[in-house]
Amino acid sequence: MRQVTMVMGLVLVVAACGGTSSDGSGDDDGGRFDVDVPDEDQLLVGGDLDLPEWFPPGFDFTNDLAITSVAGGDVAMSLSGESEADVETAHAGAVEGLIDSGYELLSNEDNFAVFIRDGVGRVRVRTSPTFDGSATEVSVDIDLWTDEQIEELRILSSPEVTTRGSATAELDGEVFMADGECIIQGRNRLFIADDISISASVDEFADPPNVYADVTTEDGVVYYMNVDSERSYDIGSATPPVEFTVTGVVISTDGSGDEFDLAVAVTCEG
């Protein structure tokens, strides 16, 4: 059973709590956190606390935020505090502070904001009036997630964008070109030509990533990617124009059983 260290009072004497990485080695191995986690669960309670060294950086939201409690462990951390500012001002300060500190804002409605940051995890910030209405309470909950979990949430939270695009396919020495529609969500990509002559897709949310492409010739023969063969992809910048490529081995519907190398390069507009 885990032990919990509690320190109460206006004057705090905090026992040394050396950090450790997610694998317990004491060194950050880059696999989970950029921040050290305490050796044992910690709960600090007082009138105006300083954030301990093991708490992730970037949470000094406003100059008048008095931190009243801090908790930490190897899967989650949290803090609570009070601000003299009104709810909207305190919330705006918290959001601005985290953005300036490198946290990625996913949503922000009704004074409840959700952030993510690689190496840290998911951060939820709530602001609300205190029970007596004399101040504003600011609460933070941090889920210490792996970067893989963060990327899944990033993809799920990304808006789906539909835009125009074009593709160039190289198949057995021939070049095919087509205009069509791109659907972009996070790092996921899909292109379908207007005349259905070329399609290409990358679904990074799948494990392993789902990569596919096909080409249909003018005489109706479809060259489609063999899902049992080795496939690869490359995703460029997330800012327009969005580009991605898919390569792999294709077979055809003509019954020959022959295999060909296919490379499809797609450019999507903003």
Foldseek 3Di string as FASTA:
>chain_A
DFDEDEFEEADTDDDDFQFAELVRPSDDPLFFAPFGFGPTKYKYAYFADDDDRRDDPQQPQDPAWRWGMWITDSFKIKTKTWGQDDLVVSLVSRVVSNVVVPWAWLDAPPQWTWTADARWGIKIWHWDADPVRRTIMIMIMTGRGGPLVVLLVQQVSFDKDKFKKKKWKAKPNDIDIAIFMWIDGRQWIWTAGPVRQKIWTWAVNDVNIDTWMWGADPVGKIWTADRVWDKDKDWDDPDPQTKMKIWGWTDIPPPPRDIIIMMMIMTTGD
